């Protein structure tokens, strides 16, 4: 007795194949402006990645070819804004800020974990940081530095980050 073997039919739906090809092309073209390479224009030298630090904390960085007159923005425990967006992007969910002339200003930005750094500056001191956990243990934080222009807009996709622990143990 012969076993019945059922042969799979070849895929014959050219419309689906065409649609999949067009979708793939659209997705790939959306990535055309992104730079998927490690940017070495700036290095955060302190704190080191996953080190434990005490407050106040002075963050230090060096530039290796970043434009000398380029202001920076330091994002503390906050996702940076997308390229080509201004700091106003951060306030889009804050109706009070959007309706206030001059907002977001320096005070508003610092309250939301964003520090605008003048050109040529190589450090930022944070006297305090929010507590992400138990006040008697160390907690994880993230600093991300991005380049801005004089109009307070992020100019590139490049970002420079470090994660570290803040020691909360009482001596």
C-alpha atoms as a PDB file:
ATOM      1  CA  UNK A   1       0.000   0.000   0.000  1.00  0.00           C
ATOM      2  CA  UNK A   2       1.382   3.335  -0.942  1.00  0.00           C
ATOM      3  CA  UNK A   3       1.342   6.128   1.583  1.00  0.00           C
ATOM      4  CA  UNK A   4      -0.299   9.226   0.369  1.00  0.00           C
ATOM      5  CA  UNK A   5       2.145  12.069   0.251  1.00  0.00           C
ATOM      6  CA  UNK A   6       0.680  15.456  -0.180  1.00  0.00           C
ATOM      7  CA  UNK A   7       2.883  17.880  -2.042  1.00  0.00           C
ATOM      8  CA  UNK A   8       2.824  21.487  -0.977  1.00  0.00           C
ATOM      9  CA  UNK A   9       1.634  23.807  -3.670  1.00  0.00           C
ATOM     10  CA  UNK A  10       4.034  26.530  -4.709  1.00  0.00           C
ATOM     11  CA  UNK A  11       3.265  30.013  -3.421  1.00  0.00           C
ATOM     12  CA  UNK A  12       1.316  31.734  -6.174  1.00  0.00           C
ATOM     13  CA  UNK A  13       0.198  35.089  -4.927  1.00  0.00           C
ATOM     14  CA  UNK A  14       2.200  37.731  -6.793  1.00  0.00           C
ATOM     15  CA  UNK A  15       0.183  40.553  -5.227  1.00  0.00           C
ATOM     16  CA  UNK A  16       1.375  39.601  -1.752  1.00  0.00           C
ATOM     17  CA  UNK A  17       4.973  39.350  -2.905  1.00  0.00           C
ATOM     18  CA  UNK A  18       4.741  42.782  -4.539  1.00  0.00           C
ATOM     19  CA  UNK A  19       3.195  44.283  -1.396  1.00  0.00           C
ATOM     20  CA  UNK A  20       5.923  42.778   0.808  1.00  0.00           C
ATOM     21  CA  UNK A  21       8.628  44.130  -1.522  1.00  0.00           C
ATOM     22  CA  UNK A  22       7.128  47.628  -1.475  1.00  0.00           C
ATOM     23  CA  UNK A  23       6.836  47.570   2.322  1.00  0.00           C
ATOM     24  CA  UNK A  24      10.470  46.504   2.687  1.00  0.00           C
ATOM     25  CA  UNK A  25      11.602  49.249   0.298  1.00  0.00           C
ATOM     26  CA  UNK A  26       9.618  51.858   2.244  1.00  0.00           C
ATOM     27  CA  UNK A  27      11.112  50.740   5.556  1.00  0.00           C
ATOM     28  CA  UNK A  28      14.655  50.816   4.197  1.00  0.00           C
ATOM     29  CA  UNK A  29      14.217  54.253   2.650  1.00  0.00           C
ATOM     30  CA  UNK A  30      13.016  55.624   5.993  1.00  0.00           C
ATOM     31  CA  UNK A  31      16.457  54.815   7.427  1.00  0.00           C
ATOM     32  CA  UNK A  32      18.373  56.689   4.739  1.00  0.00           C
ATOM     33  CA  UNK A  33      19.272  59.685   6.933  1.00  0.00           C
ATOM     34  CA  UNK A  34      20.553  57.710   9.901  1.00  0.00           C
ATOM     35  CA  UNK A  35      24.184  57.043  10.658  1.00  0.00           C
ATOM     36  CA  UNK A  36      24.668  53.557  12.069  1.00  0.00           C
ATOM     37  CA  UNK A  37      28.285  54.069  13.097  1.00  0.00           C
ATOM     38  CA  UNK A  38      29.883  54.770  16.460  1.00  0.00           C
ATOM     39  CA  UNK A  39      30.460  58.491  16.821  1.00  0.00           C
ATOM     40  CA  UNK A  40      33.688  59.347  18.637  1.00  0.00           C
ATOM     41  CA  UNK A  41      33.422  63.152  18.715  1.00  0.00           C
ATOM     42  CA  UNK A  42      32.834  63.152  22.458  1.00  0.00           C
ATOM     43  CA  UNK A  43      33.642  60.834  25.384  1.00  0.00           C
ATOM     44  CA  UNK A  44      32.197  60.901  28.877  1.00  0.00           C
ATOM     45  CA  UNK A  45      35.200  60.408  31.163  1.00  0.00           C
ATOM     46  CA  UNK A  46      33.380  60.552  34.505  1.00  0.00           C
ATOM     47  CA  UNK A  47      31.437  58.743  35.741  1.00  0.00           C
ATOM     48  CA  UNK A  48      32.530  55.453  34.190  1.00  0.00           C
ATOM     49  CA  UNK A  49      29.855  53.109  32.903  1.00  0.00           C
ATOM     50  CA  UNK A  50      28.223  51.167  35.767  1.00  0.00           C
ATOM     51  CA  UNK A  51      30.409  52.786  38.424  1.00  0.00           C
ATOM     52  CA  UNK A  52      29.037  53.862  41.810  1.00  0.00           C
ATOM     53  CA  UNK A  53      29.207  57.581  42.606  1.00  0.00           C
ATOM     54  CA  UNK A  54      28.310  59.907  45.458  1.00  0.00           C
ATOM     55  CA  UNK A  55      26.479  63.218  45.288  1.00  0.00           C
ATOM     56  CA  UNK A  56      27.207  65.907  44.364  1.00  0.00           C
ATOM     57  CA  UNK A  57      28.272  64.444  41.032  1.00  0.00           C
ATOM     58  CA  UNK A  58      30.420  66.255  38.486  1.00  0.00           C
ATOM     59  CA  UNK A  59      30.011  64.786  35.010  1.00  0.00           C
ATOM     60  CA  UNK A  60      33.078  65.351  32.817  1.00  0.00           C
ATOM     61  CA  UNK A  61      33.610  64.838  29.101  1.00  0.00           C
ATOM     62  CA  UNK A  62      36.210  65.532  26.437  1.00  0.00           C
ATOM     63  CA  UNK A  63      35.621  66.286  22.802  1.00  0.00           C
ATOM     64  CA  UNK A  64      37.556  64.651  19.996  1.00  0.00           C
ATOM     65  CA  UNK A  65      36.511  66.777  17.069  1.00  0.00           C
ATOM     66  CA  UNK A  66      33.090  68.041  18.102  1.00  0.00           C
ATOM     67  CA  UNK A  67      32.543  71.558  16.786  1.00  0.00           C
ATOM     68  CA  UNK A  68      34.051  73.962  19.338  1.00  0.00           C
ATOM     69  CA  UNK A  69      31.116  76.350  19.168  1.00  0.00           C
ATOM     70  CA  UNK A  70      28.490  73.626  19.475  1.00  0.00           C
ATOM     71  CA  UNK A  71      26.319  73.825  22.580  1.00  0.00           C
ATOM     72  CA  UNK A  72      25.416  70.529  24.210  1.00  0.00           C
ATOM     73  CA  UNK A  73      22.415  69.198  26.083  1.00  0.00           C
ATOM     74  CA  UNK A  74      22.763  66.763  28.965  1.00  0.00           C
ATOM     75  CA  UNK A  75      19.704  64.594  29.541  1.00  0.00           C
ATOM     76  CA  UNK A  76      19.522  63.119  33.039  1.00  0.00           C
ATOM     77  CA  UNK A  77      17.299  60.025  33.237  1.00  0.00           C
ATOM     78  CA  UNK A  78      15.451  61.315  30.188  1.00  0.00           C
ATOM     79  CA  UNK A  79      15.307  60.145  26.581  1.00  0.00           C
ATOM     80  CA  UNK A  80      16.907  62.772  24.293  1.00  0.00           C
ATOM     81  CA  UNK A  81      14.791  64.586  21.771  1.00  0.00           C
ATOM     82  CA  UNK A  82      14.922  63.380  18.147  1.00  0.00           C
ATOM     83  CA  UNK A  83      17.342  64.979  15.659  1.00  0.00           C
ATOM     84  CA  UNK A  84      16.252  68.277  14.128  1.00  0.00           C
ATOM     85  CA  UNK A  85      13.843  68.962  17.012  1.00  0.00           C
ATOM     86  CA  UNK A  86      14.109  71.899  19.402  1.00  0.00           C
ATOM     87  CA  UNK A  87      13.745  71.842  23.178  1.00  0.00           C
ATOM     88  CA  UNK A  88      10.124  72.892  22.635  1.00  0.00           C
ATOM     89  CA  UNK A  89       9.539  69.264  21.638  1.00  0.00           C
ATOM     90  CA  UNK A  90       9.958  68.344  25.324  1.00  0.00           C
ATOM     91  CA  UNK A  91       7.068  70.578  26.350  1.00  0.00           C
ATOM     92  CA  UNK A  92       4.530  69.282  23.849  1.00  0.00           C
ATOM     93  CA  UNK A  93       2.690  67.400  26.618  1.00  0.00           C
ATOM     94  CA  UNK A  94       2.732  70.378  28.999  1.00  0.00           C
ATOM     95  CA  UNK A  95      -0.102  72.801  28.106  1.00  0.00           C
ATOM     96  CA  UNK A  96       0.958  75.295  30.794  1.00  0.00           C
ATOM     97  CA  UNK A  97       4.449  75.546  29.323  1.00  0.00           C
ATOM     98  CA  UNK A  98       3.208  75.745  25.741  1.00  0.00           C
ATOM     99  CA  UNK A  99       0.951  78.663  26.632  1.00  0.00           C
ATOM    100  CA  UNK A 100       3.723  80.538  28.479  1.00  0.00           C
ATOM    101  CA  UNK A 101       5.993  82.785  26.382  1.00  0.00           C
ATOM    102  CA  UNK A 102       9.643  81.758  26.691  1.00  0.00           C
ATOM    103  CA  UNK A 103       8.841  78.283  27.975  1.00  0.00           C
ATOM    104  CA  UNK A 104      10.586  75.911  28.084  1.00  0.00           C
ATOM    105  CA  UNK A 105      13.141  78.050  29.881  1.00  0.00           C
ATOM    106  CA  UNK A 106      16.240  76.979  31.815  1.00  0.00           C
ATOM    107  CA  UNK A 107      14.309  76.344  35.051  1.00  0.00           C
ATOM    108  CA  UNK A 108      11.668  74.215  33.305  1.00  0.00           C
ATOM    109  CA  UNK A 109      14.337  72.215  31.487  1.00  0.00           C
ATOM    110  CA  UNK A 110      16.353  71.508  34.661  1.00  0.00           C
ATOM    111  CA  UNK A 111      13.164  70.408  36.437  1.00  0.00           C
ATOM    112  CA  UNK A 112      12.670  67.930  33.587  1.00  0.00           C
ATOM    113  CA  UNK A 113      16.229  66.593  33.637  1.00  0.00           C
ATOM    114  CA  UNK A 114      17.673  68.623  30.744  1.00  0.00           C
ATOM    115  CA  UNK A 115      20.726  70.859  31.089  1.00  0.00           C
ATOM    116  CA  UNK A 116      21.800  73.134  28.215  1.00  0.00           C
ATOM    117  CA  UNK A 117      25.585  73.450  28.203  1.00  0.00           C
ATOM    118  CA  UNK A 118      27.355  76.462  26.647  1.00  0.00           C
ATOM    119  CA  UNK A 119      30.025  75.849  23.980  1.00  0.00           C
ATOM    120  CA  UNK A 120      33.444  74.966  25.357  1.00  0.00           C
ATOM    121  CA  UNK A 121      32.126  73.703  28.713  1.00  0.00           C
ATOM    122  CA  UNK A 122      33.472  70.266  29.683  1.00  0.00           C
ATOM    123  CA  UNK A 123      31.576  69.437  32.892  1.00  0.00           C
ATOM    124  CA  UNK A 124      28.283  69.670  34.730  1.00  0.00           C
ATOM    125  CA  UNK A 125      27.776  69.344  38.492  1.00  0.00           C
ATOM    126  CA  UNK A 126      24.554  67.814  39.748  1.00  0.00           C
ATOM    127  CA  UNK A 127      24.037  68.551  43.466  1.00  0.00           C
ATOM    128  CA  UNK A 128      21.134  66.096  43.656  1.00  0.00           C
ATOM    129  CA  UNK A 129      19.461  63.389  41.587  1.00  0.00           C
ATOM    130  CA  UNK A 130      16.048  61.816  41.931  1.00  0.00           C
ATOM    131  CA  UNK A 131      15.886  58.644  43.973  1.00  0.00           C
ATOM    132  CA  UNK A 132      14.798  55.722  41.799  1.00  0.00           C
ATOM    133  CA  UNK A 133      14.461  53.233  44.630  1.00  0.00           C
ATOM    134  CA  UNK A 134      15.167  52.603  48.257  1.00  0.00           C
ATOM    135  CA  UNK A 135      16.844  55.625  49.885  1.00  0.00           C
ATOM    136  CA  UNK A 136      19.361  53.384  51.638  1.00  0.00           C
ATOM    137  CA  UNK A 137      20.799  51.658  48.566  1.00  0.00           C
ATOM    138  CA  UNK A 138      22.396  52.653  45.291  1.00  0.00           C
ATOM    139  CA  UNK A 139      20.131  53.349  42.329  1.00  0.00           C
ATOM    140  CA  UNK A 140      20.733  53.333  38.569  1.00  0.00           C
ATOM    141  CA  UNK A 141      20.817  56.555  36.509  1.00  0.00           C
ATOM    142  CA  UNK A 142      21.608  57.425  32.901  1.00  0.00           C
ATOM    143  CA  UNK A 143      23.239  60.535  31.421  1.00  0.00           C
ATOM    144  CA  UNK A 144      22.997  61.209  27.677  1.00  0.00           C
ATOM    145  CA  UNK A 145      24.793  64.084  25.949  1.00  0.00           C
ATOM    146  CA  UNK A 146      23.738  65.339  22.500  1.00  0.00           C
ATOM    147  CA  UNK A 147      24.905  68.218  20.308  1.00  0.00           C
ATOM    148  CA  UNK A 148      22.684  71.243  19.804  1.00  0.00           C
ATOM    149  CA  UNK A 149      22.889  74.384  17.705  1.00  0.00           C
ATOM    150  CA  UNK A 150      22.371  77.990  18.788  1.00  0.00           C
ATOM    151  CA  UNK A 151      18.624  77.676  18.061  1.00  0.00           C
ATOM    152  CA  UNK A 152      18.448  74.957  20.778  1.00  0.00           C
ATOM    153  CA  UNK A 153      17.863  72.183  18.237  1.00  0.00           C
ATOM    154  CA  UNK A 154      19.492  68.769  18.229  1.00  0.00           C
ATOM    155  CA  UNK A 155      21.699  68.629  15.132  1.00  0.00           C
ATOM    156  CA  UNK A 156      22.735  64.969  14.717  1.00  0.00           C
ATOM    157  CA  UNK A 157      21.710  61.447  15.677  1.00  0.00           C
ATOM    158  CA  UNK A 158      24.909  61.125  17.723  1.00  0.00           C
ATOM    159  CA  UNK A 159      24.468  60.619  21.442  1.00  0.00           C
ATOM    160  CA  UNK A 160      26.921  59.801  24.199  1.00  0.00           C
ATOM    161  CA  UNK A 161      25.625  57.926  27.244  1.00  0.00           C
ATOM    162  CA  UNK A 162      26.739  56.414  30.505  1.00  0.00           C
ATOM    163  CA  UNK A 163      24.825  54.501  33.151  1.00  0.00           C
ATOM    164  CA  UNK A 164      25.935  54.607  36.770  1.00  0.00           C
ATOM    165  CA  UNK A 165      24.746  54.002  40.303  1.00  0.00           C
ATOM    166  CA  UNK A 166      24.269  56.702  42.924  1.00  0.00           C
ATOM    167  CA  UNK A 167      25.226  55.537  46.391  1.00  0.00           C
ATOM    168  CA  UNK A 168      22.313  56.223  48.743  1.00  0.00           C
ATOM    169  CA  UNK A 169      23.666  54.342  51.752  1.00  0.00           C
ATOM    170  CA  UNK A 170      23.718  56.358  54.912  1.00  0.00           C
ATOM    171  CA  UNK A 171      27.235  56.286  56.462  1.00  0.00           C
END
